Amino acid sequence: MASTKRSAALAELPLKPTIFEILLVLSDEDLHGYAIVKQLEQRSEGSMRLEPANLYRTLRTMMGRGLIEETDHRPDPELDDERRRYFHITSFGREVAAAEAARLELLVEDARARRILA
């Protein structure tokens, strides 16, 4: 069973950078769309910007692949706009993110071995 889940996670690779980044920001907490965009901009020091249509298209794709799911949980319902849609990383999404991180780590190790990186 574990090898089947691992195979399914590996079949998702390589991830598009935007999908990997969204999985990373959702690994800490459930977020709504606007918060995801702000986290991506902050993490990338402004170089990664997503328009709402592109964000929600990507989120729909990720939900279809089982990487994330929409959640009704709201961190602070009293201070929140009820129209916001919150997203949560699934256990499969975590497995895929871990597999992608391991894949990237191997690439970096290879780049170091070839003296491309110091």
PDB file of N, CA and C in Angstrom:
ATOM      1  N   MET A   1       0.826  -1.199   0.000  1.00  0.00           N
ATOM      2  CA  MET A   1       0.000   0.000   0.000  1.00  0.00           C
ATOM      3  C   MET A   1       0.865   1.256   0.000  1.00  0.00           C
ATOM      4  N   ALA A   2       1.907   1.282   0.851  1.00  0.00           N
ATOM      5  CA  ALA A   2       2.771   2.461   0.922  1.00  0.00           C
ATOM      6  C   ALA A   2       3.478   2.709  -0.403  1.00  0.00           C
ATOM      7  N   SER A   3       3.897   1.621  -1.068  1.00  0.00           N
ATOM      8  CA  SER A   3       4.578   1.801  -2.357  1.00  0.00           C
ATOM      9  C   SER A   3       3.604   2.303  -3.423  1.00  0.00           C
ATOM     10  N   THR A   4       2.322   1.926  -3.307  1.00  0.00           N
ATOM     11  CA  THR A   4       1.320   2.416  -4.250  1.00  0.00           C
ATOM     12  C   THR A   4       1.122   3.917  -4.068  1.00  0.00           C
ATOM     13  N   LYS A   5       1.041   4.360  -2.805  1.00  0.00           N
ATOM     14  CA  LYS A   5       0.891   5.788  -2.527  1.00  0.00           C
ATOM     15  C   LYS A   5       2.124   6.549  -2.992  1.00  0.00           C
ATOM     16  N   ARG A   6       3.300   5.963  -2.756  1.00  0.00           N
ATOM     17  CA  ARG A   6       4.537   6.611  -3.200  1.00  0.00           C
ATOM     18  C   ARG A   6       4.568   6.703  -4.720  1.00  0.00           C
ATOM     19  N   SER A   7       4.151   5.635  -5.391  1.00  0.00           N
ATOM     20  CA  SER A   7       4.110   5.648  -6.849  1.00  0.00           C
ATOM     21  C   SER A   7       3.149   6.713  -7.359  1.00  0.00           C
ATOM     22  N   ALA A   8       2.014   6.852  -6.695  1.00  0.00           N
ATOM     23  CA  ALA A   8       1.047   7.877  -7.095  1.00  0.00           C
ATOM     24  C   ALA A   8       1.641   9.272  -6.908  1.00  0.00           C
ATOM     25  N   ALA A   9       2.363   9.475  -5.799  1.00  0.00           N
ATOM     26  CA  ALA A   9       2.999  10.772  -5.561  1.00  0.00           C
ATOM     27  C   ALA A   9       4.066  11.045  -6.616  1.00  0.00           C
ATOM     28  N   LEU A  10       4.879  10.050  -6.924  1.00  0.00           N
ATOM     29  CA  LEU A  10       5.935  10.220  -7.925  1.00  0.00           C
ATOM     30  C   LEU A  10       5.362  10.478  -9.313  1.00  0.00           C
ATOM     31  N   ALA A  11       4.185   9.936  -9.590  1.00  0.00           N
ATOM     32  CA  ALA A  11       3.555  10.136 -10.895  1.00  0.00           C
ATOM     33  C   ALA A  11       3.150  11.595 -11.108  1.00  0.00           C
ATOM     34  N   GLU A  12       3.033  12.362 -10.046  1.00  0.00           N
ATOM     35  CA  GLU A  12       2.660  13.784 -10.128  1.00  0.00           C
ATOM     36  C   GLU A  12       3.848  14.678 -10.489  1.00  0.00           C
ATOM     37  N   LEU A  13       5.061  14.126 -10.437  1.00  0.00           N
ATOM     38  CA  LEU A  13       6.268  14.928 -10.624  1.00  0.00           C
ATOM     39  C   LEU A  13       6.674  14.995 -12.086  1.00  0.00           C
ATOM     40  N   PRO A  14       7.391  16.024 -12.478  1.00  0.00           N
ATOM     41  CA  PRO A  14       7.734  17.209 -11.690  1.00  0.00           C
ATOM     42  C   PRO A  14       6.539  18.163 -11.595  1.00  0.00           C
ATOM     43  N   LEU A  15       6.497  18.893 -10.479  1.00  0.00           N
ATOM     44  CA  LEU A  15       5.428  19.869 -10.272  1.00  0.00           C
ATOM     45  C   LEU A  15       5.782  21.185 -10.943  1.00  0.00           C
ATOM     46  N   LYS A  16       4.761  21.887 -11.398  1.00  0.00           N
ATOM     47  CA  LYS A  16       4.977  23.257 -11.842  1.00  0.00           C
ATOM     48  C   LYS A  16       5.374  24.063 -10.605  1.00  0.00           C
ATOM     49  N   PRO A  17       6.282  25.025 -10.750  1.00  0.00           N
ATOM     50  CA  PRO A  17       6.729  25.804  -9.593  1.00  0.00           C
ATOM     51  C   PRO A  17       5.582  26.431  -8.799  1.00  0.00           C
ATOM     52  N   THR A  18       4.563  26.933  -9.472  1.00  0.00           N
ATOM     53  CA  THR A  18       3.447  27.561  -8.767  1.00  0.00           C
ATOM     54  C   THR A  18       2.718  26.549  -7.889  1.00  0.00           C
ATOM     55  N   ILE A  19       2.517  25.357  -8.395  1.00  0.00           N
ATOM     56  CA  ILE A  19       1.835  24.324  -7.607  1.00  0.00           C
ATOM     57  C   ILE A  19       2.668  23.954  -6.386  1.00  0.00           C
ATOM     58  N   PHE A  20       3.967  23.797  -6.578  1.00  0.00           N
ATOM     59  CA  PHE A  20       4.843  23.468  -5.446  1.00  0.00           C
ATOM     60  C   PHE A  20       4.810  24.584  -4.405  1.00  0.00           C
ATOM     61  N   GLU A  21       4.887  25.812  -4.837  1.00  0.00           N
ATOM     62  CA  GLU A  21       4.852  26.951  -3.909  1.00  0.00           C
ATOM     63  C   GLU A  21       3.527  27.003  -3.144  1.00  0.00           C
ATOM     64  N   ILE A  22       2.423  26.747  -3.822  1.00  0.00           N
ATOM     65  CA  ILE A  22       1.124  26.750  -3.133  1.00  0.00           C
ATOM     66  C   ILE A  22       1.079  25.636  -2.093  1.00  0.00           C
ATOM     67  N   LEU A  23       1.588  24.461  -2.434  1.00  0.00           N
ATOM     68  CA  LEU A  23       1.640  23.378  -1.453  1.00  0.00           C
ATOM     69  C   LEU A  23       2.487  23.777  -0.248  1.00  0.00           C
ATOM     70  N   LEU A  24       3.588  24.462  -0.496  1.00  0.00           N
ATOM     71  CA  LEU A  24       4.438  24.896   0.616  1.00  0.00           C
ATOM     72  C   LEU A  24       3.708  25.872   1.532  1.00  0.00           C
ATOM     73  N   VAL A  25       3.027  26.860   0.969  1.00  0.00           N
ATOM     74  CA  VAL A  25       2.347  27.833   1.838  1.00  0.00           C
ATOM     75  C   VAL A  25       1.164  27.203   2.566  1.00  0.00           C
ATOM     76  N   LEU A  26       0.500  26.245   1.932  1.00  0.00           N
ATOM     77  CA  LEU A  26      -0.614  25.581   2.616  1.00  0.00           C
ATOM     78  C   LEU A  26      -0.155  24.537   3.622  1.00  0.00           C
ATOM     79  N   SER A  27       1.118  24.180   3.607  1.00  0.00           N
ATOM     80  CA  SER A  27       1.608  23.192   4.576  1.00  0.00           C
ATOM     81  C   SER A  27       1.630  23.753   5.993  1.00  0.00           C
ATOM     82  N   ASP A  28       1.650  25.075   6.126  1.00  0.00           N
ATOM     83  CA  ASP A  28       1.655  25.699   7.453  1.00  0.00           C
ATOM     84  C   ASP A  28       0.263  25.932   8.010  1.00  0.00           C
ATOM     85  N   GLU A  29      -0.674  26.321   7.125  1.00  0.00           N
ATOM     86  CA  GLU A  29      -2.020  26.647   7.590  1.00  0.00           C
ATOM     87  C   GLU A  29      -2.985  26.699   6.414  1.00  0.00           C
ATOM     88  N   ASP A  30      -4.269  26.588   6.730  1.00  0.00           N
ATOM     89  CA  ASP A  30      -5.302  26.758   5.718  1.00  0.00           C
ATOM     90  C   ASP A  30      -5.383  28.240   5.377  1.00  0.00           C
ATOM     91  N   LEU A  31      -5.508  28.541   4.093  1.00  0.00           N
ATOM     92  CA  LEU A  31      -5.536  29.935   3.652  1.00  0.00           C
ATOM     93  C   LEU A  31      -6.619  30.133   2.603  1.00  0.00           C
ATOM     94  N   HIS A  32      -7.093  31.370   2.494  1.00  0.00           N
ATOM     95  CA  HIS A  32      -8.006  31.734   1.418  1.00  0.00           C
ATOM     96  C   HIS A  32      -7.174  32.242   0.243  1.00  0.00           C
ATOM     97  N   GLY A  33      -7.822  32.394  -0.909  1.00  0.00           N
ATOM     98  CA  GLY A  33      -7.121  32.735  -2.135  1.00  0.00           C
ATOM     99  C   GLY A  33      -6.237  33.964  -2.042  1.00  0.00           C
ATOM    100  N   TYR A  34      -6.772  35.065  -1.506  1.00  0.00           N
ATOM    101  CA  TYR A  34      -5.997  36.299  -1.426  1.00  0.00           C
ATOM    102  C   TYR A  34      -4.765  36.112  -0.530  1.00  0.00           C
ATOM    103  N   ALA A  35      -4.925  35.370   0.563  1.00  0.00           N
ATOM    104  CA  ALA A  35      -3.785  35.116   1.460  1.00  0.00           C
ATOM    105  C   ALA A  35      -2.728  34.259   0.762  1.00  0.00           C
ATOM    106  N   ILE A  36      -3.157  33.315  -0.064  1.00  0.00           N
ATOM    107  CA  ILE A  36      -2.198  32.504  -0.822  1.00  0.00           C
ATOM    108  C   ILE A  36      -1.382  33.398  -1.740  1.00  0.00           C
ATOM    109  N   VAL A  37      -2.065  34.293  -2.468  1.00  0.00           N
ATOM    110  CA  VAL A  37      -1.369  35.213  -3.379  1.00  0.00           C
ATOM    111  C   VAL A  37      -0.361  36.052  -2.608  1.00  0.00           C
ATOM    112  N   LYS A  38      -0.760  36.587  -1.471  1.00  0.00           N
ATOM    113  CA  LYS A  38       0.138  37.435  -0.671  1.00  0.00           C
ATOM    114  C   LYS A  38       1.334  36.641  -0.151  1.00  0.00           C
ATOM    115  N   GLN A  39       1.103  35.408   0.287  1.00  0.00           N
ATOM    116  CA  GLN A  39       2.213  34.563   0.760  1.00  0.00           C
ATOM    117  C   GLN A  39       3.196  34.275  -0.374  1.00  0.00           C
ATOM    118  N   LEU A  40       2.672  33.978  -1.571  1.00  0.00           N
ATOM    119  CA  LEU A  40       3.549  33.709  -2.717  1.00  0.00           C
ATOM    120  C   LEU A  40       4.380  34.933  -3.066  1.00  0.00           C
ATOM    121  N   GLU A  41       3.755  36.098  -3.061  1.00  0.00           N
ATOM    122  CA  GLU A  41       4.491  37.334  -3.349  1.00  0.00           C
ATOM    123  C   GLU A  41       5.570  37.576  -2.296  1.00  0.00           C
ATOM    124  N   GLN A  42       5.225  37.368  -1.036  1.00  0.00           N
ATOM    125  CA  GLN A  42       6.191  37.585   0.049  1.00  0.00           C
ATOM    126  C   GLN A  42       7.353  36.600  -0.040  1.00  0.00           C
ATOM    127  N   ARG A  43       7.045  35.312  -0.247  1.00  0.00           N
ATOM    128  CA  ARG A  43       8.095  34.287  -0.333  1.00  0.00           C
ATOM    129  C   ARG A  43       9.043  34.547  -1.493  1.00  0.00           C
ATOM    130  N   SER A  44       8.503  35.089  -2.593  1.00  0.00           N
ATOM    131  CA  SER A  44       9.317  35.300  -3.796  1.00  0.00           C
ATOM    132  C   SER A  44       9.854  36.723  -3.888  1.00  0.00           C
ATOM    133  N   GLU A  45       9.662  37.493  -2.826  1.00  0.00           N
ATOM    134  CA  GLU A  45      10.078  38.900  -2.795  1.00  0.00           C
ATOM    135  C   GLU A  45       9.496  39.670  -3.976  1.00  0.00           C
ATOM    136  N   GLY A  46       8.232  39.361  -4.300  1.00  0.00           N
ATOM    137  CA  GLY A  46       7.504  40.089  -5.319  1.00  0.00           C
ATOM    138  C   GLY A  46       7.627  39.562  -6.734  1.00  0.00           C
ATOM    139  N   SER A  47       8.474  38.557  -6.962  1.00  0.00           N
ATOM    140  CA  SER A  47       8.660  38.084  -8.342  1.00  0.00           C
ATOM    141  C   SER A  47       7.552  37.129  -8.798  1.00  0.00           C
ATOM    142  N   MET A  48       6.829  36.526  -7.863  1.00  0.00           N
ATOM    143  CA  MET A  48       5.746  35.623  -8.243  1.00  0.00           C
ATOM    144  C   MET A  48       4.419  36.311  -7.950  1.00  0.00           C
ATOM    145  N   ARG A  49       3.704  36.617  -9.016  1.00  0.00           N
ATOM    146  CA  ARG A  49       2.390  37.257  -8.884  1.00  0.00           C
ATOM    147  C   ARG A  49       1.375  36.440  -9.656  1.00  0.00           C
ATOM    148  N   LEU A  50       0.264  36.160  -9.020  1.00  0.00           N
ATOM    149  CA  LEU A  50      -0.802  35.413  -9.673  1.00  0.00           C
ATOM    150  C   LEU A  50      -2.052  36.267  -9.748  1.00  0.00           C
ATOM    151  N   GLU A  51      -2.614  36.325 -10.921  1.00  0.00           N
ATOM    152  CA  GLU A  51      -3.906  36.985 -11.090  1.00  0.00           C
ATOM    153  C   GLU A  51      -4.976  36.039 -10.540  1.00  0.00           C
ATOM    154  N   PRO A  52      -6.084  36.600 -10.046  1.00  0.00           N
ATOM    155  CA  PRO A  52      -7.126  35.733  -9.468  1.00  0.00           C
ATOM    156  C   PRO A  52      -7.582  34.599 -10.384  1.00  0.00           C
ATOM    157  N   ALA A  53      -7.787  34.872 -11.666  1.00  0.00           N
ATOM    158  CA  ALA A  53      -8.241  33.809 -12.579  1.00  0.00           C
ATOM    159  C   ALA A  53      -7.218  32.679 -12.657  1.00  0.00           C
ATOM    160  N   ASN A  54      -5.933  33.027 -12.728  1.00  0.00           N
ATOM    161  CA  ASN A  54      -4.881  32.002 -12.780  1.00  0.00           C
ATOM    162  C   ASN A  54      -4.800  31.239 -11.464  1.00  0.00           C
ATOM    163  N   LEU A  55      -4.934  31.956 -10.348  1.00  0.00           N
ATOM    164  CA  LEU A  55      -4.888  31.296  -9.042  1.00  0.00           C
ATOM    165  C   LEU A  55      -6.002  30.272  -8.932  1.00  0.00           C
ATOM    166  N   TYR A  56      -7.222  30.681  -9.206  1.00  0.00           N
ATOM    167  CA  TYR A  56      -8.352  29.766  -9.013  1.00  0.00           C
ATOM    168  C   TYR A  56      -8.346  28.627 -10.033  1.00  0.00           C
ATOM    169  N   ARG A  57      -7.815  28.849 -11.217  1.00  0.00           N
ATOM    170  CA  ARG A  57      -7.647  27.765 -12.185  1.00  0.00           C
ATOM    171  C   ARG A  57      -6.648  26.743 -11.631  1.00  0.00           C
ATOM    172  N   THR A  58      -5.546  27.249 -11.085  1.00  0.00           N
ATOM    173  CA  THR A  58      -4.534  26.358 -10.497  1.00  0.00           C
ATOM    174  C   THR A  58      -5.095  25.616  -9.300  1.00  0.00           C
ATOM    175  N   LEU A  59      -5.847  26.299  -8.447  1.00  0.00           N
ATOM    176  CA  LEU A  59      -6.440  25.649  -7.274  1.00  0.00           C
ATOM    177  C   LEU A  59      -7.427  24.558  -7.700  1.00  0.00           C
ATOM    178  N   ARG A  60      -8.221  24.811  -8.731  1.00  0.00           N
ATOM    179  CA  ARG A  60      -9.155  23.786  -9.236  1.00  0.00           C
ATOM    180  C   ARG A  60      -8.382  22.564  -9.745  1.00  0.00           C
ATOM    181  N   THR A  61      -7.303  22.820 -10.463  1.00  0.00           N
ATOM    182  CA  THR A  61      -6.463  21.720 -10.950  1.00  0.00           C
ATOM    183  C   THR A  61      -5.910  20.911  -9.783  1.00  0.00           C
ATOM    184  N   MET A  62      -5.426  21.615  -8.768  1.00  0.00           N
ATOM    185  CA  MET A  62      -4.852  20.945  -7.603  1.00  0.00           C
ATOM    186  C   MET A  62      -5.909  20.136  -6.848  1.00  0.00           C
ATOM    187  N   MET A  63      -7.126  20.665  -6.756  1.00  0.00           N
ATOM    188  CA  MET A  63      -8.205  19.915  -6.104  1.00  0.00           C
ATOM    189  C   MET A  63      -8.541  18.673  -6.920  1.00  0.00           C
ATOM    190  N   GLY A  64      -8.576  18.809  -8.229  1.00  0.00           N
ATOM    191  CA  GLY A  64      -8.861  17.674  -9.096  1.00  0.00           C
ATOM    192  C   GLY A  64      -7.832  16.568  -8.985  1.00  0.00           C
ATOM    193  N   ARG A  65      -6.607  16.935  -8.679  1.00  0.00           N
ATOM    194  CA  ARG A  65      -5.524  15.950  -8.522  1.00  0.00           C
ATOM    195  C   ARG A  65      -5.427  15.431  -7.094  1.00  0.00           C
ATOM    196  N   GLY A  66      -6.268  15.956  -6.188  1.00  0.00           N
ATOM    197  CA  GLY A  66      -6.272  15.487  -4.802  1.00  0.00           C
ATOM    198  C   GLY A  66      -5.171  16.073  -3.941  1.00  0.00           C
ATOM    199  N   LEU A  67      -4.541  17.166  -4.397  1.00  0.00           N
ATOM    200  CA  LEU A  67      -3.438  17.779  -3.641  1.00  0.00           C
ATOM    201  C   LEU A  67      -3.948  18.692  -2.533  1.00  0.00           C
ATOM    202  N   ILE A  68      -5.067  19.345  -2.783  1.00  0.00           N
ATOM    203  CA  ILE A  68      -5.667  20.248  -1.803  1.00  0.00           C
ATOM    204  C   ILE A  68      -7.174  20.025  -1.820  1.00  0.00           C
ATOM    205  N   GLU A  69      -7.841  20.576  -0.804  1.00  0.00           N
ATOM    206  CA  GLU A  69      -9.289  20.523  -0.750  1.00  0.00           C
ATOM    207  C   GLU A  69      -9.800  21.823  -0.153  1.00  0.00           C
ATOM    208  N   GLU A  70     -11.026  22.146  -0.500  1.00  0.00           N
ATOM    209  CA  GLU A  70     -11.651  23.317   0.103  1.00  0.00           C
ATOM    210  C   GLU A  70     -12.130  22.915   1.488  1.00  0.00           C
ATOM    211  N   THR A  71     -12.036  23.832   2.442  1.00  0.00           N
ATOM    212  CA  THR A  71     -12.431  23.529   3.807  1.00  0.00           C
ATOM    213  C   THR A  71     -13.391  24.595   4.322  1.00  0.00           C
ATOM    214  N   ASP A  72     -14.259  24.183   5.210  1.00  0.00           N
ATOM    215  CA  ASP A  72     -15.184  25.124   5.841  1.00  0.00           C
ATOM    216  C   ASP A  72     -14.574  25.740   7.096  1.00  0.00           C
ATOM    217  N   HIS A  73     -13.461  25.184   7.559  1.00  0.00           N
ATOM    218  CA  HIS A  73     -12.804  25.699   8.768  1.00  0.00           C
ATOM    219  C   HIS A  73     -12.292  27.109   8.521  1.00  0.00           C
ATOM    220  N   ARG A  74     -12.570  27.990   9.444  1.00  0.00           N
ATOM    221  CA  ARG A  74     -12.106  29.382   9.372  1.00  0.00           C
ATOM    222  C   ARG A  74     -11.337  29.691  10.647  1.00  0.00           C
ATOM    223  N   PRO A  75     -10.122  30.208  10.497  1.00  0.00           N
ATOM    224  CA  PRO A  75      -9.292  30.489  11.679  1.00  0.00           C
ATOM    225  C   PRO A  75      -9.984  31.396  12.693  1.00  0.00           C
ATOM    226  N   ASP A  76     -10.640  32.449  12.231  1.00  0.00           N
ATOM    227  CA  ASP A  76     -11.326  33.376  13.135  1.00  0.00           C
ATOM    228  C   ASP A  76     -12.605  33.864  12.458  1.00  0.00           C
ATOM    229  N   PRO A  77     -13.687  33.085  12.579  1.00  0.00           N
ATOM    230  CA  PRO A  77     -14.925  33.419  11.862  1.00  0.00           C
ATOM    231  C   PRO A  77     -15.467  34.817  12.179  1.00  0.00           C
ATOM    232  N   GLU A  78     -15.204  35.314  13.368  1.00  0.00           N
ATOM    233  CA  GLU A  78     -15.709  36.633  13.752  1.00  0.00           C
ATOM    234  C   GLU A  78     -15.079  37.754  12.935  1.00  0.00           C
ATOM    235  N   LEU A  79     -13.830  37.561  12.515  1.00  0.00           N
ATOM    236  CA  LEU A  79     -13.094  38.596  11.788  1.00  0.00           C
ATOM    237  C   LEU A  79     -12.977  38.288  10.292  1.00  0.00           C
ATOM    238  N   ASP A  80     -13.683  37.289   9.840  1.00  0.00           N
ATOM    239  CA  ASP A  80     -13.500  36.815   8.477  1.00  0.00           C
ATOM    240  C   ASP A  80     -14.711  37.138   7.613  1.00  0.00           C
ATOM    241  N   ASP A  81     -14.462  37.274   6.319  1.00  0.00           N
ATOM    242  CA  ASP A  81     -15.512  37.469   5.335  1.00  0.00           C
ATOM    243  C   ASP A  81     -16.024  36.080   4.930  1.00  0.00           C
ATOM    244  N   GLU A  82     -17.301  35.835   5.102  1.00  0.00           N
ATOM    245  CA  GLU A  82     -17.848  34.503   4.842  1.00  0.00           C
ATOM    246  C   GLU A  82     -17.781  34.094   3.372  1.00  0.00           C
ATOM    247  N   ARG A  83     -17.513  35.033   2.476  1.00  0.00           N
ATOM    248  CA  ARG A  83     -17.401  34.702   1.052  1.00  0.00           C
ATOM    249  C   ARG A  83     -16.054  34.069   0.714  1.00  0.00           C
ATOM    250  N   ARG A  84     -15.091  34.207   1.600  1.00  0.00           N
ATOM    251  CA  ARG A  84     -13.769  33.637   1.323  1.00  0.00           C
ATOM    252  C   ARG A  84     -13.821  32.125   1.305  1.00  0.00           C
ATOM    253  N   ARG A  85     -13.088  31.558   0.352  1.00  0.00           N
ATOM    254  CA  ARG A  85     -12.953  30.109   0.249  1.00  0.00           C
ATOM    255  C   ARG A  85     -11.570  29.728   0.778  1.00  0.00           C
ATOM    256  N   TYR A  86     -11.543  28.842   1.755  1.00  0.00           N
ATOM    257  CA  TYR A  86     -10.285  28.401   2.351  1.00  0.00           C
ATOM    258  C   TYR A  86      -9.864  27.069   1.757  1.00  0.00           C
ATOM    259  N   PHE A  87      -8.542  26.884   1.676  1.00  0.00           N
ATOM    260  CA  PHE A  87      -7.984  25.674   1.087  1.00  0.00           C
ATOM    261  C   PHE A  87      -7.033  25.008   2.075  1.00  0.00           C
ATOM    262  N   HIS A  88      -6.996  23.689   1.999  1.00  0.00           N
ATOM    263  CA  HIS A  88      -6.241  22.847   2.932  1.00  0.00           C
ATOM    264  C   HIS A  88      -5.444  21.827   2.128  1.00  0.00           C
ATOM    265  N   ILE A  89      -4.181  21.632   2.490  1.00  0.00           N
ATOM    266  CA  ILE A  89      -3.376  20.607   1.825  1.00  0.00           C
ATOM    267  C   ILE A  89      -3.822  19.235   2.328  1.00  0.00           C
ATOM    268  N   THR A  90      -3.936  18.280   1.416  1.00  0.00           N
ATOM    269  CA  THR A  90      -4.315  16.920   1.792  1.00  0.00           C
ATOM    270  C   THR A  90      -3.065  16.129   2.178  1.00  0.00           C
ATOM    271  N   SER A  91      -3.279  14.942   2.744  1.00  0.00           N
ATOM    272  CA  SER A  91      -2.115  14.099   3.065  1.00  0.00           C
ATOM    273  C   SER A  91      -1.402  13.700   1.771  1.00  0.00           C
ATOM    274  N   PHE A  92      -2.161  13.465   0.712  1.00  0.00           N
ATOM    275  CA  PHE A  92      -1.540  13.172  -0.579  1.00  0.00           C
ATOM    276  C   PHE A  92      -0.746  14.375  -1.079  1.00  0.00           C
ATOM    277  N   GLY A  93      -1.281  15.567  -0.898  1.00  0.00           N
ATOM    278  CA  GLY A  93      -0.571  16.790  -1.276  1.00  0.00           C
ATOM    279  C   GLY A  93       0.753  16.916  -0.537  1.00  0.00           C
ATOM    280  N   ARG A  94       0.760  16.556   0.739  1.00  0.00           N
ATOM    281  CA  ARG A  94       2.011  16.580   1.520  1.00  0.00           C
ATOM    282  C   ARG A  94       3.015  15.567   0.969  1.00  0.00           C
ATOM    283  N   GLU A  95       2.520  14.387   0.618  1.00  0.00           N
ATOM    284  CA  GLU A  95       3.408  13.358   0.055  1.00  0.00           C
ATOM    285  C   GLU A  95       4.013  13.834  -1.264  1.00  0.00           C
ATOM    286  N   VAL A  96       3.197  14.454  -2.093  1.00  0.00           N
ATOM    287  CA  VAL A  96       3.680  14.946  -3.379  1.00  0.00           C
ATOM    288  C   VAL A  96       4.691  16.076  -3.162  1.00  0.00           C
ATOM    289  N   ALA A  97       4.406  16.978  -2.226  1.00  0.00           N
ATOM    290  CA  ALA A  97       5.336  18.071  -1.939  1.00  0.00           C
ATOM    291  C   ALA A  97       6.670  17.518  -1.428  1.00  0.00           C
ATOM    292  N   ALA A  98       6.614  16.508  -0.572  1.00  0.00           N
ATOM    293  CA  ALA A  98       7.845  15.897  -0.059  1.00  0.00           C
ATOM    294  C   ALA A  98       8.627  15.220  -1.179  1.00  0.00           C
ATOM    295  N   ALA A  99       7.922  14.539  -2.075  1.00  0.00           N
ATOM    296  CA  ALA A  99       8.587  13.879  -3.210  1.00  0.00           C
ATOM    297  C   ALA A  99       9.233  14.911  -4.129  1.00  0.00           C
ATOM    298  N   GLU A 100       8.540  16.030  -4.360  1.00  0.00           N
ATOM    299  CA  GLU A 100       9.109  17.090  -5.205  1.00  0.00           C
ATOM    300  C   GLU A 100      10.328  17.716  -4.538  1.00  0.00           C
ATOM    301  N   ALA A 101      10.258  17.941  -3.225  1.00  0.00           N
ATOM    302  CA  ALA A 101      11.405  18.505  -2.510  1.00  0.00           C
ATOM    303  C   ALA A 101      12.609  17.563  -2.604  1.00  0.00           C
ATOM    304  N   ALA A 102      12.367  16.272  -2.463  1.00  0.00           N
ATOM    305  CA  ALA A 102      13.459  15.290  -2.574  1.00  0.00           C
ATOM    306  C   ALA A 102      14.037  15.290  -3.990  1.00  0.00           C
ATOM    307  N   ARG A 103      13.157  15.389  -4.997  1.00  0.00           N
ATOM    308  CA  ARG A 103      13.619  15.443  -6.392  1.00  0.00           C
ATOM    309  C   ARG A 103      14.503  16.663  -6.629  1.00  0.00           C
ATOM    310  N   LEU A 104      14.053  17.801  -6.122  1.00  0.00           N
ATOM    311  CA  LEU A 104      14.829  19.035  -6.281  1.00  0.00           C
ATOM    312  C   LEU A 104      16.145  18.971  -5.516  1.00  0.00           C
ATOM    313  N   GLU A 105      16.110  18.345  -4.353  1.00  0.00           N
ATOM    314  CA  GLU A 105      17.335  18.194  -3.565  1.00  0.00           C
ATOM    315  C   GLU A 105      18.385  17.390  -4.332  1.00  0.00           C
ATOM    316  N   LEU A 106      17.950  16.333  -5.001  1.00  0.00           N
ATOM    317  CA  LEU A 106      18.878  15.530  -5.811  1.00  0.00           C
ATOM    318  C   LEU A 106      19.457  16.351  -6.963  1.00  0.00           C
ATOM    319  N   LEU A 107      18.638  17.193  -7.567  1.00  0.00           N
ATOM    320  CA  LEU A 107      19.135  18.053  -8.646  1.00  0.00           C
ATOM    321  C   LEU A 107      20.178  19.038  -8.129  1.00  0.00           C
ATOM    322  N   VAL A 108      19.939  19.596  -6.952  1.00  0.00           N
ATOM    323  CA  VAL A 108      20.899  20.537  -6.368  1.00  0.00           C
ATOM    324  C   VAL A 108      22.201  19.817  -6.027  1.00  0.00           C
ATOM    325  N   GLU A 109      22.088  18.617  -5.472  1.00  0.00           N
ATOM    326  CA  GLU A 109      23.294  17.830  -5.167  1.00  0.00           C
ATOM    327  C   GLU A 109      24.088  17.551  -6.449  1.00  0.00           C
ATOM    328  N   ASP A 110      23.386  17.227  -7.522  1.00  0.00           N
ATOM    329  CA  ASP A 110      24.046  16.977  -8.800  1.00  0.00           C
ATOM    330  C   ASP A 110      24.728  18.252  -9.313  1.00  0.00           C
ATOM    331  N   ALA A 111      24.046  19.383  -9.191  1.00  0.00           N
ATOM    332  CA  ALA A 111      24.637  20.661  -9.622  1.00  0.00           C
ATOM    333  C   ALA A 111      25.894  20.973  -8.810  1.00  0.00           C
ATOM    334  N   ARG A 112      25.877  20.673  -7.522  1.00  0.00           N
ATOM    335  CA  ARG A 112      27.069  20.892  -6.687  1.00  0.00           C
ATOM    336  C   ARG A 112      28.204  19.956  -7.099  1.00  0.00           C
ATOM    337  N   ALA A 113      27.858  18.696  -7.355  1.00  0.00           N
ATOM    338  CA  ALA A 113      28.876  17.719  -7.763  1.00  0.00           C
ATOM    339  C   ALA A 113      29.524  18.128  -9.094  1.00  0.00           C
ATOM    340  N   ARG A 114      28.760  18.788  -9.942  1.00  0.00           N
ATOM    341  CA  ARG A 114      29.284  19.232 -11.233  1.00  0.00           C
ATOM    342  C   ARG A 114      29.869  20.639 -11.155  1.00  0.00           C
ATOM    343  N   ARG A 115      29.946  21.168  -9.952  1.00  0.00           N
ATOM    344  CA  ARG A 115      30.524  22.496  -9.674  1.00  0.00           C
ATOM    345  C   ARG A 115      29.770  23.633 -10.363  1.00  0.00           C
ATOM    346  N   ILE A 116      28.486  23.435 -10.551  1.00  0.00           N
ATOM    347  CA  ILE A 116      27.639  24.506 -11.055  1.00  0.00           C
ATOM    348  C   ILE A 116      27.244  25.422  -9.894  1.00  0.00           C
ATOM    349  N   LEU A 117      27.080  24.807  -8.725  1.00  0.00           N
ATOM    350  CA  LEU A 117      26.815  25.542  -7.484  1.00  0.00           C
ATOM    351  C   LEU A 117      28.004  25.368  -6.558  1.00  0.00           C
ATOM    352  N   ALA A 118      28.263  26.386  -5.790  1.00  0.00           N
ATOM    353  CA  ALA A 118      29.373  26.296  -4.818  1.00  0.00           C
ATOM    354  C   ALA A 118      28.985  25.434  -3.639  1.00  0.00           C
TER     355      ALA A 118
END
